[in-house]
Amino acid sequence: MILYRPVGTKELKLIEESGYCKFPPRLPEQPIFYPVLTEQYAVEIASGWNVKYNDDHKGYVTKFEVDDAYCRKFEVHQVGGRHHKELWIPKEKLEEFNAHIIGKICIVGEFSDNELPAG
């Protein structure tokens, strides 16, 4: 299954430190790791939320593949419009999830407040 994950600079640095092989552990206040199913949705989050709320006003979209059989263990949640679909991974399962990533995590989009329209 191809998945996407919108991330900020801090999370991207931790992904880079892993050799682009895994996502970092969740923070205590983050009970769920939620990759998204469409690049469109990931772009919305990275260009909107990450750019607006991260200290450096940057957001990135990562793309990666996870073993299909493993992904079927988790429920897909639609959290808004038709393309707003997420896979919810409990933080206790993130290391196991990381072990099922096939290949490397790739950066497919980068956004900053310098690229956003004024207004």
PDB file of N, CA and C in Angstrom:
ATOM      1  N   MET A   1       0.853  -1.170   0.000  1.00  0.00           N
ATOM      2  CA  MET A   1       0.000   0.000   0.000  1.00  0.00           C
ATOM      3  C   MET A   1       0.901   1.236   0.000  1.00  0.00           C
ATOM      4  N   ILE A   2       0.610   2.161  -0.883  1.00  0.00           N
ATOM      5  CA  ILE A   2       1.331   3.432  -0.908  1.00  0.00           C
ATOM      6  C   ILE A   2       0.634   4.376   0.057  1.00  0.00           C
ATOM      7  N   LEU A   3       1.410   4.987   0.948  1.00  0.00           N
ATOM      8  CA  LEU A   3       0.889   5.921   1.936  1.00  0.00           C
ATOM      9  C   LEU A   3       1.694   7.213   1.886  1.00  0.00           C
ATOM     10  N   TYR A   4       1.121   8.242   2.492  1.00  0.00           N
ATOM     11  CA  TYR A   4       1.762   9.554   2.548  1.00  0.00           C
ATOM     12  C   TYR A   4       1.725  10.036   3.988  1.00  0.00           C
ATOM     13  N   ARG A   5       2.703  10.850   4.334  1.00  0.00           N
ATOM     14  CA  ARG A   5       2.735  11.399   5.685  1.00  0.00           C
ATOM     15  C   ARG A   5       3.204  12.849   5.590  1.00  0.00           C
ATOM     16  N   PRO A   6       2.327  13.801   5.955  1.00  0.00           N
ATOM     17  CA  PRO A   6       2.774  15.187   6.036  1.00  0.00           C
ATOM     18  C   PRO A   6       3.587  15.368   7.311  1.00  0.00           C
ATOM     19  N   VAL A   7       4.738  16.008   7.201  1.00  0.00           N
ATOM     20  CA  VAL A   7       5.620  16.188   8.353  1.00  0.00           C
ATOM     21  C   VAL A   7       6.201  17.595   8.365  1.00  0.00           C
ATOM     22  N   GLY A   8       6.666  17.994   9.528  1.00  0.00           N
ATOM     23  CA  GLY A   8       7.412  19.238   9.671  1.00  0.00           C
ATOM     24  C   GLY A   8       8.903  18.947   9.643  1.00  0.00           C
ATOM     25  N   THR A   9       9.687  19.995   9.753  1.00  0.00           N
ATOM     26  CA  THR A   9      11.147  19.881   9.657  1.00  0.00           C
ATOM     27  C   THR A   9      11.730  19.000  10.759  1.00  0.00           C
ATOM     28  N   LYS A  10      11.234  19.131  11.984  1.00  0.00           N
ATOM     29  CA  LYS A  10      11.778  18.332  13.092  1.00  0.00           C
ATOM     30  C   LYS A  10      11.577  16.836  12.851  1.00  0.00           C
ATOM     31  N   GLU A  11      10.368  16.460  12.430  1.00  0.00           N
ATOM     32  CA  GLU A  11      10.101  15.045  12.165  1.00  0.00           C
ATOM     33  C   GLU A  11      10.900  14.568  10.955  1.00  0.00           C
ATOM     34  N   LEU A  12      11.042  15.421   9.953  1.00  0.00           N
ATOM     35  CA  LEU A  12      11.810  15.046   8.766  1.00  0.00           C
ATOM     36  C   LEU A  12      13.272  14.780   9.118  1.00  0.00           C
ATOM     37  N   LYS A  13      13.843  15.574  10.015  1.00  0.00           N
ATOM     38  CA  LYS A  13      15.239  15.347  10.434  1.00  0.00           C
ATOM     39  C   LYS A  13      15.385  13.980  11.110  1.00  0.00           C
ATOM     40  N   LEU A  14      14.401  13.585  11.908  1.00  0.00           N
ATOM     41  CA  LEU A  14      14.460  12.282  12.570  1.00  0.00           C
ATOM     42  C   LEU A  14      14.315  11.150  11.553  1.00  0.00           C
ATOM     43  N   ILE A  15      13.487  11.353  10.537  1.00  0.00           N
ATOM     44  CA  ILE A  15      13.360  10.362   9.464  1.00  0.00           C
ATOM     45  C   ILE A  15      14.694  10.248   8.726  1.00  0.00           C
ATOM     46  N   GLU A  16      15.310  11.380   8.451  1.00  0.00           N
ATOM     47  CA  GLU A  16      16.620  11.394   7.775  1.00  0.00           C
ATOM     48  C   GLU A  16      17.659  10.643   8.609  1.00  0.00           C
ATOM     49  N   GLU A  17      17.666  10.866   9.927  1.00  0.00           N
ATOM     50  CA  GLU A  17      18.620  10.190  10.815  1.00  0.00           C
ATOM     51  C   GLU A  17      18.446   8.669  10.789  1.00  0.00           C
ATOM     52  N   SER A  18      17.249   8.190  10.453  1.00  0.00           N
ATOM     53  CA  SER A  18      17.001   6.750  10.371  1.00  0.00           C
ATOM     54  C   SER A  18      17.423   6.181   9.016  1.00  0.00           C
ATOM     55  N   GLY A  19      17.964   7.034   8.155  1.00  0.00           N
ATOM     56  CA  GLY A  19      18.311   6.591   6.807  1.00  0.00           C
ATOM     57  C   GLY A  19      17.079   6.506   5.918  1.00  0.00           C
ATOM     58  N   TYR A  20      16.059   7.294   6.257  1.00  0.00           N
ATOM     59  CA  TYR A  20      14.784   7.305   5.528  1.00  0.00           C
ATOM     60  C   TYR A  20      14.112   5.931   5.564  1.00  0.00           C
ATOM     61  N   CYS A  21      14.272   5.248   6.714  1.00  0.00           N
ATOM     62  CA  CYS A  21      13.714   3.901   6.863  1.00  0.00           C
ATOM     63  C   CYS A  21      12.559   3.808   7.854  1.00  0.00           C
ATOM     64  N   LYS A  22      12.411   4.805   8.731  1.00  0.00           N
ATOM     65  CA  LYS A  22      11.351   4.694   9.727  1.00  0.00           C
ATOM     66  C   LYS A  22      10.911   6.067  10.232  1.00  0.00           C
ATOM     67  N   PHE A  23       9.729   6.056  10.824  1.00  0.00           N
ATOM     68  CA  PHE A  23       9.180   7.258  11.434  1.00  0.00           C
ATOM     69  C   PHE A  23       9.517   7.249  12.919  1.00  0.00           C
ATOM     70  N   PRO A  24       9.744   8.425  13.499  1.00  0.00           N
ATOM     71  CA  PRO A  24      10.126   8.493  14.915  1.00  0.00           C
ATOM     72  C   PRO A  24       8.953   8.184  15.845  1.00  0.00           C
ATOM     73  N   PRO A  25       9.258   7.809  17.078  1.00  0.00           N
ATOM     74  CA  PRO A  25       8.198   7.529  18.058  1.00  0.00           C
ATOM     75  C   PRO A  25       7.291   8.751  18.233  1.00  0.00           C
ATOM     76  N   ARG A  26       6.071   8.503  18.598  1.00  0.00           N
ATOM     77  CA  ARG A  26       5.113   9.563  18.846  1.00  0.00           C
ATOM     78  C   ARG A  26       5.433  10.233  20.176  1.00  0.00           C
ATOM     79  N   LEU A  27       5.030  11.475  20.309  1.00  0.00           N
ATOM     80  CA  LEU A  27       5.164  12.194  21.571  1.00  0.00           C
ATOM     81  C   LEU A  27       4.084  11.691  22.535  1.00  0.00           C
ATOM     82  N   PRO A  28       4.262  11.895  23.838  1.00  0.00           N
ATOM     83  CA  PRO A  28       3.280  11.381  24.810  1.00  0.00           C
ATOM     84  C   PRO A  28       1.845  11.821  24.516  1.00  0.00           C
ATOM     85  N   GLU A  29       1.665  13.022  24.010  1.00  0.00           N
ATOM     86  CA  GLU A  29       0.311  13.527  23.738  1.00  0.00           C
ATOM     87  C   GLU A  29      -0.224  13.094  22.367  1.00  0.00           C
ATOM     88  N   GLN A  30       0.514  12.236  21.663  1.00  0.00           N
ATOM     89  CA  GLN A  30       0.114  11.770  20.332  1.00  0.00           C
ATOM     90  C   GLN A  30      -0.120  10.248  20.359  1.00  0.00           C
ATOM     91  N   PRO A  31      -1.350   9.825  20.631  1.00  0.00           N
ATOM     92  CA  PRO A  31      -1.615   8.390  20.771  1.00  0.00           C
ATOM     93  C   PRO A  31      -1.679   7.623  19.454  1.00  0.00           C
ATOM     94  N   ILE A  32      -1.787   8.349  18.337  1.00  0.00           N
ATOM     95  CA  ILE A  32      -1.985   7.683  17.049  1.00  0.00           C
ATOM     96  C   ILE A  32      -0.994   8.229  16.025  1.00  0.00           C
ATOM     97  N   PHE A  33      -0.460   7.332  15.224  1.00  0.00           N
ATOM     98  CA  PHE A  33       0.314   7.693  14.035  1.00  0.00           C
ATOM     99  C   PHE A  33      -0.633   7.524  12.869  1.00  0.00           C
ATOM    100  N   TYR A  34      -0.817   8.567  12.083  1.00  0.00           N
ATOM    101  CA  TYR A  34      -1.814   8.467  11.018  1.00  0.00           C
ATOM    102  C   TYR A  34      -1.264   8.871   9.650  1.00  0.00           C
ATOM    103  N   PRO A  35      -0.721   7.903   8.919  1.00  0.00           N
ATOM    104  CA  PRO A  35      -0.401   8.175   7.522  1.00  0.00           C
ATOM    105  C   PRO A  35      -1.710   8.326   6.751  1.00  0.00           C
ATOM    106  N   VAL A  36      -1.657   9.073   5.649  1.00  0.00           N
ATOM    107  CA  VAL A  36      -2.863   9.308   4.860  1.00  0.00           C
ATOM    108  C   VAL A  36      -2.789   8.542   3.544  1.00  0.00           C
ATOM    109  N   LEU A  37      -3.960   8.327   2.938  1.00  0.00           N
ATOM    110  CA  LEU A  37      -4.037   7.467   1.757  1.00  0.00           C
ATOM    111  C   LEU A  37      -3.869   8.192   0.432  1.00  0.00           C
ATOM    112  N   THR A  38      -3.961   9.528   0.442  1.00  0.00           N
ATOM    113  CA  THR A  38      -3.812  10.256  -0.820  1.00  0.00           C
ATOM    114  C   THR A  38      -2.789  11.374  -0.699  1.00  0.00           C
ATOM    115  N   GLU A  39      -2.084  11.590  -1.783  1.00  0.00           N
ATOM    116  CA  GLU A  39      -1.120  12.695  -1.817  1.00  0.00           C
ATOM    117  C   GLU A  39      -1.851  14.032  -1.688  1.00  0.00           C
ATOM    118  N   GLN A  40      -3.033  14.140  -2.272  1.00  0.00           N
ATOM    119  CA  GLN A  40      -3.814  15.372  -2.194  1.00  0.00           C
ATOM    120  C   GLN A  40      -4.061  15.778  -0.740  1.00  0.00           C
ATOM    121  N   TYR A  41      -4.467  14.830   0.079  1.00  0.00           N
ATOM    122  CA  TYR A  41      -4.729  15.104   1.490  1.00  0.00           C
ATOM    123  C   TYR A  41      -3.432  15.475   2.215  1.00  0.00           C
ATOM    124  N   ALA A  42      -2.355  14.771   1.930  1.00  0.00           N
ATOM    125  CA  ALA A  42      -1.064  15.080   2.554  1.00  0.00           C
ATOM    126  C   ALA A  42      -0.605  16.488   2.191  1.00  0.00           C
ATOM    127  N   VAL A  43      -0.800  16.890   0.939  1.00  0.00           N
ATOM    128  CA  VAL A  43      -0.432  18.241   0.500  1.00  0.00           C
ATOM    129  C   VAL A  43      -1.258  19.289   1.249  1.00  0.00           C
ATOM    130  N   GLU A  44      -2.542  19.024   1.418  1.00  0.00           N
ATOM    131  CA  GLU A  44      -3.389  19.960   2.167  1.00  0.00           C
ATOM    132  C   GLU A  44      -2.856  20.187   3.581  1.00  0.00           C
ATOM    133  N   ILE A  45      -2.474  19.120   4.240  1.00  0.00           N
ATOM    134  CA  ILE A  45      -1.975  19.226   5.614  1.00  0.00           C
ATOM    135  C   ILE A  45      -0.613  19.917   5.643  1.00  0.00           C
ATOM    136  N   ALA A  46       0.304  19.468   4.788  1.00  0.00           N
ATOM    137  CA  ALA A  46       1.667  20.019   4.790  1.00  0.00           C
ATOM    138  C   ALA A  46       1.674  21.496   4.411  1.00  0.00           C
ATOM    139  N   SER A  47       0.891  21.860   3.394  1.00  0.00           N
ATOM    140  CA  SER A  47       0.911  23.245   2.916  1.00  0.00           C
ATOM    141  C   SER A  47       0.045  24.173   3.765  1.00  0.00           C
ATOM    142  N   GLY A  48      -0.914  23.607   4.457  1.00  0.00           N
ATOM    143  CA  GLY A  48      -1.794  24.402   5.301  1.00  0.00           C
ATOM    144  C   GLY A  48      -1.367  24.385   6.753  1.00  0.00           C
ATOM    145  N   TRP A  49      -1.551  23.243   7.395  1.00  0.00           N
ATOM    146  CA  TRP A  49      -1.286  23.148   8.830  1.00  0.00           C
ATOM    147  C   TRP A  49       0.201  23.272   9.156  1.00  0.00           C
ATOM    148  N   ASN A  50       1.054  22.457   8.533  1.00  0.00           N
ATOM    149  CA  ASN A  50       2.482  22.476   8.868  1.00  0.00           C
ATOM    150  C   ASN A  50       3.097  23.847   8.618  1.00  0.00           C
ATOM    151  N   VAL A  51       2.813  24.436   7.476  1.00  0.00           N
ATOM    152  CA  VAL A  51       3.384  25.748   7.143  1.00  0.00           C
ATOM    153  C   VAL A  51       2.899  26.816   8.120  1.00  0.00           C
ATOM    154  N   LYS A  52       1.652  26.740   8.508  1.00  0.00           N
ATOM    155  CA  LYS A  52       1.082  27.745   9.402  1.00  0.00           C
ATOM    156  C   LYS A  52       1.561  27.599  10.846  1.00  0.00           C
ATOM    157  N   TYR A  53       1.665  26.364  11.339  1.00  0.00           N
ATOM    158  CA  TYR A  53       1.886  26.159  12.766  1.00  0.00           C
ATOM    159  C   TYR A  53       3.297  25.738  13.172  1.00  0.00           C
ATOM    160  N   ASN A  54       4.140  25.301  12.260  1.00  0.00           N
ATOM    161  CA  ASN A  54       5.505  24.925  12.635  1.00  0.00           C
ATOM    162  C   ASN A  54       6.374  26.168  12.776  1.00  0.00           C
ATOM    163  N   ASP A  55       7.337  26.094  13.682  1.00  0.00           N
ATOM    164  CA  ASP A  55       8.191  27.248  13.970  1.00  0.00           C
ATOM    165  C   ASP A  55       8.877  27.810  12.729  1.00  0.00           C
ATOM    166  N   ASP A  56       9.322  26.943  11.836  1.00  0.00           N
ATOM    167  CA  ASP A  56      10.043  27.414  10.642  1.00  0.00           C
ATOM    168  C   ASP A  56       9.124  27.618   9.434  1.00  0.00           C
ATOM    169  N   HIS A  57       7.826  27.403   9.626  1.00  0.00           N
ATOM    170  CA  HIS A  57       6.818  27.602   8.574  1.00  0.00           C
ATOM    171  C   HIS A  57       7.117  26.801   7.313  1.00  0.00           C
ATOM    172  N   LYS A  58       7.476  25.530   7.532  1.00  0.00           N
ATOM    173  CA  LYS A  58       7.729  24.609   6.435  1.00  0.00           C
ATOM    174  C   LYS A  58       6.946  23.325   6.663  1.00  0.00           C
ATOM    175  N   GLY A  59       6.587  22.680   5.570  1.00  0.00           N
ATOM    176  CA  GLY A  59       5.913  21.394   5.620  1.00  0.00           C
ATOM    177  C   GLY A  59       6.382  20.534   4.466  1.00  0.00           C
ATOM    178  N   TYR A  60       6.356  19.232   4.668  1.00  0.00           N
ATOM    179  CA  TYR A  60       6.849  18.278   3.678  1.00  0.00           C
ATOM    180  C   TYR A  60       5.837  17.150   3.529  1.00  0.00           C
ATOM    181  N   VAL A  61       5.803  16.565   2.348  1.00  0.00           N
ATOM    182  CA  VAL A  61       4.993  15.372   2.117  1.00  0.00           C
ATOM    183  C   VAL A  61       5.959  14.223   1.850  1.00  0.00           C
ATOM    184  N   THR A  62       5.816  13.162   2.642  1.00  0.00           N
ATOM    185  CA  THR A  62       6.607  11.961   2.413  1.00  0.00           C
ATOM    186  C   THR A  62       5.701  10.887   1.807  1.00  0.00           C
ATOM    187  N   LYS A  63       6.322  10.007   1.053  1.00  0.00           N
ATOM    188  CA  LYS A  63       5.621   8.899   0.405  1.00  0.00           C
ATOM    189  C   LYS A  63       6.395   7.626   0.712  1.00  0.00           C
ATOM    190  N   PHE A  64       5.670   6.558   0.988  1.00  0.00           N
ATOM    191  CA  PHE A  64       6.328   5.298   1.318  1.00  0.00           C
ATOM    192  C   PHE A  64       5.369   4.148   1.066  1.00  0.00           C
ATOM    193  N   GLU A  65       5.927   2.958   1.028  1.00  0.00           N
ATOM    194  CA  GLU A  65       5.119   1.760   0.796  1.00  0.00           C
ATOM    195  C   GLU A  65       5.198   0.860   2.022  1.00  0.00           C
ATOM    196  N   VAL A  66       4.062   0.262   2.354  1.00  0.00           N
ATOM    197  CA  VAL A  66       3.975  -0.665   3.476  1.00  0.00           C
ATOM    198  C   VAL A  66       3.304  -1.940   2.974  1.00  0.00           C
ATOM    199  N   ASP A  67       3.762  -3.056   3.475  1.00  0.00           N
ATOM    200  CA  ASP A  67       3.213  -4.360   3.140  1.00  0.00           C
ATOM    201  C   ASP A  67       1.684  -4.348   3.232  1.00  0.00           C
ATOM    202  N   ASP A  68       1.015  -4.713   2.136  1.00  0.00           N
ATOM    203  CA  ASP A  68      -0.456  -4.691   2.067  1.00  0.00           C
ATOM    204  C   ASP A  68      -1.105  -5.544   3.152  1.00  0.00           C
ATOM    205  N   ALA A  69      -0.620  -6.747   3.333  1.00  0.00           N
ATOM    206  CA  ALA A  69      -1.225  -7.652   4.317  1.00  0.00           C
ATOM    207  C   ALA A  69      -1.151  -7.050   5.714  1.00  0.00           C
ATOM    208  N   TYR A  70      -0.051  -6.415   6.032  1.00  0.00           N
ATOM    209  CA  TYR A  70       0.087  -5.793   7.344  1.00  0.00           C
ATOM    210  C   TYR A  70      -0.890  -4.619   7.485  1.00  0.00           C
ATOM    211  N   CYS A  71      -1.021  -3.809   6.451  1.00  0.00           N
ATOM    212  CA  CYS A  71      -1.913  -2.643   6.512  1.00  0.00           C
ATOM    213  C   CYS A  71      -3.361  -3.028   6.749  1.00  0.00           C
ATOM    214  N   ARG A  72      -3.748  -4.195   6.294  1.00  0.00           N
ATOM    215  CA  ARG A  72      -5.134  -4.636   6.477  1.00  0.00           C
ATOM    216  C   ARG A  72      -5.498  -4.847   7.947  1.00  0.00           C
ATOM    217  N   LYS A  73      -4.517  -4.877   8.821  1.00  0.00           N
ATOM    218  CA  LYS A  73      -4.782  -5.013  10.256  1.00  0.00           C
ATOM    219  C   LYS A  73      -5.390  -3.740  10.848  1.00  0.00           C
ATOM    220  N   PHE A  74      -5.269  -2.628  10.116  1.00  0.00           N
ATOM    221  CA  PHE A  74      -5.684  -1.331  10.638  1.00  0.00           C
ATOM    222  C   PHE A  74      -6.867  -0.782   9.854  1.00  0.00           C
ATOM    223  N   GLU A  75      -7.732  -0.105  10.567  1.00  0.00           N
ATOM    224  CA  GLU A  75      -8.926   0.454   9.971  1.00  0.00           C
ATOM    225  C   GLU A  75      -8.621   1.784   9.285  1.00  0.00           C
ATOM    226  N   VAL A  76      -9.229   1.991   8.121  1.00  0.00           N
ATOM    227  CA  VAL A  76      -9.145   3.274   7.428  1.00  0.00           C
ATOM    228  C   VAL A  76     -10.240   4.166   7.997  1.00  0.00           C
ATOM    229  N   HIS A  77      -9.875   5.394   8.342  1.00  0.00           N
ATOM    230  CA  HIS A  77     -10.836   6.358   8.882  1.00  0.00           C
ATOM    231  C   HIS A  77     -10.995   7.507   7.902  1.00  0.00           C
ATOM    232  N   GLN A  78     -12.233   7.823   7.561  1.00  0.00           N
ATOM    233  CA  GLN A  78     -12.510   9.004   6.747  1.00  0.00           C
ATOM    234  C   GLN A  78     -12.821  10.128   7.720  1.00  0.00           C
ATOM    235  N   VAL A  79     -12.023  11.203   7.673  1.00  0.00           N
ATOM    236  CA  VAL A  79     -12.110  12.250   8.689  1.00  0.00           C
ATOM    237  C   VAL A  79     -12.602  13.585   8.137  1.00  0.00           C
ATOM    238  N   GLY A  80     -13.108  13.574   6.949  1.00  0.00           N
ATOM    239  CA  GLY A  80     -13.609  14.802   6.327  1.00  0.00           C
ATOM    240  C   GLY A  80     -14.179  14.456   4.972  1.00  0.00           C
ATOM    241  N   GLY A  81     -13.653  15.133   3.950  1.00  0.00           N
ATOM    242  CA  GLY A  81     -14.107  14.892   2.589  1.00  0.00           C
ATOM    243  C   GLY A  81     -13.738  13.507   2.092  1.00  0.00           C
ATOM    244  N   ARG A  82     -14.146  13.211   0.886  1.00  0.00           N
ATOM    245  CA  ARG A  82     -13.956  11.887   0.288  1.00  0.00           C
ATOM    246  C   ARG A  82     -12.490  11.444   0.296  1.00  0.00           C
ATOM    247  N   HIS A  83     -11.566  12.371   0.080  1.00  0.00           N
ATOM    248  CA  HIS A  83     -10.141  12.010   0.018  1.00  0.00           C
ATOM    249  C   HIS A  83      -9.424  12.157   1.362  1.00  0.00           C
ATOM    250  N   HIS A  84     -10.140  12.503   2.421  1.00  0.00           N
ATOM    251  CA  HIS A  84      -9.544  12.662   3.750  1.00  0.00           C
ATOM    252  C   HIS A  84      -9.556  11.330   4.502  1.00  0.00           C
ATOM    253  N   LYS A  85      -8.719  10.415   4.029  1.00  0.00           N
ATOM    254  CA  LYS A  85      -8.665   9.074   4.625  1.00  0.00           C
ATOM    255  C   LYS A  85      -7.309   8.842   5.259  1.00  0.00           C
ATOM    256  N   GLU A  86      -7.352   8.253   6.450  1.00  0.00           N
ATOM    257  CA  GLU A  86      -6.145   7.997   7.238  1.00  0.00           C
ATOM    258  C   GLU A  86      -6.139   6.549   7.711  1.00  0.00           C
ATOM    259  N   LEU A  87      -4.957   6.029   7.888  1.00  0.00           N
ATOM    260  CA  LEU A  87      -4.770   4.737   8.533  1.00  0.00           C
ATOM    261  C   LEU A  87      -4.343   5.051   9.962  1.00  0.00           C
ATOM    262  N   TRP A  88      -5.062   4.563  10.945  1.00  0.00           N
ATOM    263  CA  TRP A  88      -4.746   4.870  12.337  1.00  0.00           C
ATOM    264  C   TRP A  88      -3.921   3.744  12.942  1.00  0.00           C
ATOM    265  N   ILE A  89      -2.686   4.084  13.309  1.00  0.00           N
ATOM    266  CA  ILE A  89      -1.761   3.130  13.905  1.00  0.00           C
ATOM    267  C   ILE A  89      -1.547   3.544  15.368  1.00  0.00           C
ATOM    268  N   PRO A  90      -1.935   2.729  16.340  1.00  0.00           N
ATOM    269  CA  PRO A  90      -1.657   3.077  17.742  1.00  0.00           C
ATOM    270  C   PRO A  90      -0.152   3.252  17.944  1.00  0.00           C
ATOM    271  N   LYS A  91       0.227   4.222  18.748  1.00  0.00           N
ATOM    272  CA  LYS A  91       1.659   4.515  18.901  1.00  0.00           C
ATOM    273  C   LYS A  91       2.450   3.303  19.386  1.00  0.00           C
ATOM    274  N   GLU A  92       1.805   2.385  20.102  1.00  0.00           N
ATOM    275  CA  GLU A  92       2.478   1.177  20.575  1.00  0.00           C
ATOM    276  C   GLU A  92       2.866   0.257  19.417  1.00  0.00           C
ATOM    277  N   LYS A  93       2.247   0.439  18.256  1.00  0.00           N
ATOM    278  CA  LYS A  93       2.498  -0.411  17.085  1.00  0.00           C
ATOM    279  C   LYS A  93       3.418   0.254  16.059  1.00  0.00           C
ATOM    280  N   LEU A  94       3.922   1.452  16.350  1.00  0.00           N
ATOM    281  CA  LEU A  94       4.691   2.185  15.343  1.00  0.00           C
ATOM    282  C   LEU A  94       5.988   1.476  14.963  1.00  0.00           C
ATOM    283  N   GLU A  95       6.707   0.922  15.917  1.00  0.00           N
ATOM    284  CA  GLU A  95       7.946   0.205  15.571  1.00  0.00           C
ATOM    285  C   GLU A  95       7.642  -0.987  14.673  1.00  0.00           C
ATOM    286  N   GLU A  96       6.583  -1.704  14.989  1.00  0.00           N
ATOM    287  CA  GLU A  96       6.166  -2.830  14.163  1.00  0.00           C
ATOM    288  C   GLU A  96       5.773  -2.340  12.763  1.00  0.00           C
ATOM    289  N   PHE A  97       5.034  -1.230  12.702  1.00  0.00           N
ATOM    290  CA  PHE A  97       4.652  -0.625  11.427  1.00  0.00           C
ATOM    291  C   PHE A  97       5.906  -0.273  10.621  1.00  0.00           C
ATOM    292  N   ASN A  98       6.870   0.369  11.271  1.00  0.00           N
ATOM    293  CA  ASN A  98       8.119   0.741  10.600  1.00  0.00           C
ATOM    294  C   ASN A  98       8.820  -0.473  10.000  1.00  0.00           C
ATOM    295  N   ALA A  99       8.743  -1.598  10.670  1.00  0.00           N
ATOM    296  CA  ALA A  99       9.399  -2.814  10.182  1.00  0.00           C
ATOM    297  C   ALA A  99       8.751  -3.343   8.904  1.00  0.00           C
ATOM    298  N   HIS A 100       7.539  -2.885   8.599  1.00  0.00           N
ATOM    299  CA  HIS A 100       6.831  -3.331   7.403  1.00  0.00           C
ATOM    300  C   HIS A 100       6.931  -2.331   6.242  1.00  0.00           C
ATOM    301  N   ILE A 101       7.706  -1.260   6.435  1.00  0.00           N
ATOM    302  CA  ILE A 101       7.934  -0.310   5.337  1.00  0.00           C
ATOM    303  C   ILE A 101       8.831  -0.983   4.311  1.00  0.00           C
ATOM    304  N   ILE A 102       8.432  -0.869   3.048  1.00  0.00           N
ATOM    305  CA  ILE A 102       9.194  -1.460   1.945  1.00  0.00           C
ATOM    306  C   ILE A 102       9.996  -0.348   1.283  1.00  0.00           C
ATOM    307  N   GLY A 103      11.305  -0.484   1.264  1.00  0.00           N
ATOM    308  CA  GLY A 103      12.148   0.547   0.643  1.00  0.00           C
ATOM    309  C   GLY A 103      12.317   1.752   1.541  1.00  0.00           C
ATOM    310  N   LYS A 104      12.518   2.901   0.932  1.00  0.00           N
ATOM    311  CA  LYS A 104      12.807   4.141   1.663  1.00  0.00           C
ATOM    312  C   LYS A 104      11.596   5.068   1.684  1.00  0.00           C
ATOM    313  N   ILE A 105      11.589   5.941   2.663  1.00  0.00           N
ATOM    314  CA  ILE A 105      10.610   7.016   2.754  1.00  0.00           C
ATOM    315  C   ILE A 105      11.140   8.154   1.869  1.00  0.00           C
ATOM    316  N   CYS A 106      10.328   8.625   0.936  1.00  0.00           N
ATOM    317  CA  CYS A 106      10.750   9.650  -0.019  1.00  0.00           C
ATOM    318  C   CYS A 106      10.034  10.968   0.263  1.00  0.00           C
ATOM    319  N   ILE A 107      10.697  12.065   0.000  1.00  0.00           N
ATOM    320  CA  ILE A 107      10.081  13.388   0.078  1.00  0.00           C
ATOM    321  C   ILE A 107       9.537  13.709  -1.310  1.00  0.00           C
ATOM    322  N   VAL A 108       8.230  13.951  -1.399  1.00  0.00           N
ATOM    323  CA  VAL A 108       7.617  14.234  -2.701  1.00  0.00           C
ATOM    324  C   VAL A 108       7.038  15.644  -2.784  1.00  0.00           C
ATOM    325  N   GLY A 109       7.114  16.399  -1.691  1.00  0.00           N
ATOM    326  CA  GLY A 109       6.617  17.766  -1.699  1.00  0.00           C
ATOM    327  C   GLY A 109       7.219  18.570  -0.568  1.00  0.00           C
ATOM    328  N   GLU A 110       7.448  19.858  -0.834  1.00  0.00           N
ATOM    329  CA  GLU A 110       8.002  20.762   0.172  1.00  0.00           C
ATOM    330  C   GLU A 110       7.276  22.089   0.053  1.00  0.00           C
ATOM    331  N   PHE A 111       6.860  22.643   1.184  1.00  0.00           N
ATOM    332  CA  PHE A 111       6.077  23.872   1.195  1.00  0.00           C
ATOM    333  C   PHE A 111       6.615  24.815   2.265  1.00  0.00           C
ATOM    334  N   SER A 112       6.514  26.105   1.998  1.00  0.00           N
ATOM    335  CA  SER A 112       6.891  27.109   2.994  1.00  0.00           C
ATOM    336  C   SER A 112       5.976  28.310   2.843  1.00  0.00           C
ATOM    337  N   ASP A 113       5.984  29.170   3.843  1.00  0.00           N
ATOM    338  CA  ASP A 113       5.110  30.342   3.768  1.00  0.00           C
ATOM    339  C   ASP A 113       5.540  31.297   2.668  1.00  0.00           C
ATOM    340  N   ASN A 114       6.767  31.175   2.162  1.00  0.00           N
ATOM    341  CA  ASN A 114       7.219  31.991   1.044  1.00  0.00           C
ATOM    342  C   ASN A 114       6.502  31.626  -0.248  1.00  0.00           C
ATOM    343  N   GLU A 115       5.942  30.416  -0.309  1.00  0.00           N
ATOM    344  CA  GLU A 115       5.288  29.933  -1.524  1.00  0.00           C
ATOM    345  C   GLU A 115       3.783  30.140  -1.504  1.00  0.00           C
ATOM    346  N   LEU A 116       3.257  30.600  -0.371  1.00  0.00           N
ATOM    347  CA  LEU A 116       1.821  30.752  -0.252  1.00  0.00           C
ATOM    348  C   LEU A 116       1.380  32.116  -0.770  1.00  0.00           C
ATOM    349  N   PRO A 117       0.195  32.212  -1.320  1.00  0.00           N
ATOM    350  CA  PRO A 117      -0.300  33.508  -1.800  1.00  0.00           C
ATOM    351  C   PRO A 117      -0.513  34.465  -0.639  1.00  0.00           C
ATOM    352  N   ALA A 118      -0.279  35.724  -0.862  1.00  0.00           N
ATOM    353  CA  ALA A 118      -0.487  36.759   0.184  1.00  0.00           C
ATOM    354  C   ALA A 118      -1.971  36.877   0.482  1.00  0.00           C
ATOM    355  N   GLY A 119      -2.252  37.251   1.712  1.00  0.00           N
ATOM    356  CA  GLY A 119      -3.646  37.486   2.053  1.00  0.00           C
ATOM    357  C   GLY A 119      -4.061  36.669   3.159  1.00  0.00           C
TER     358      GLY A 119
END
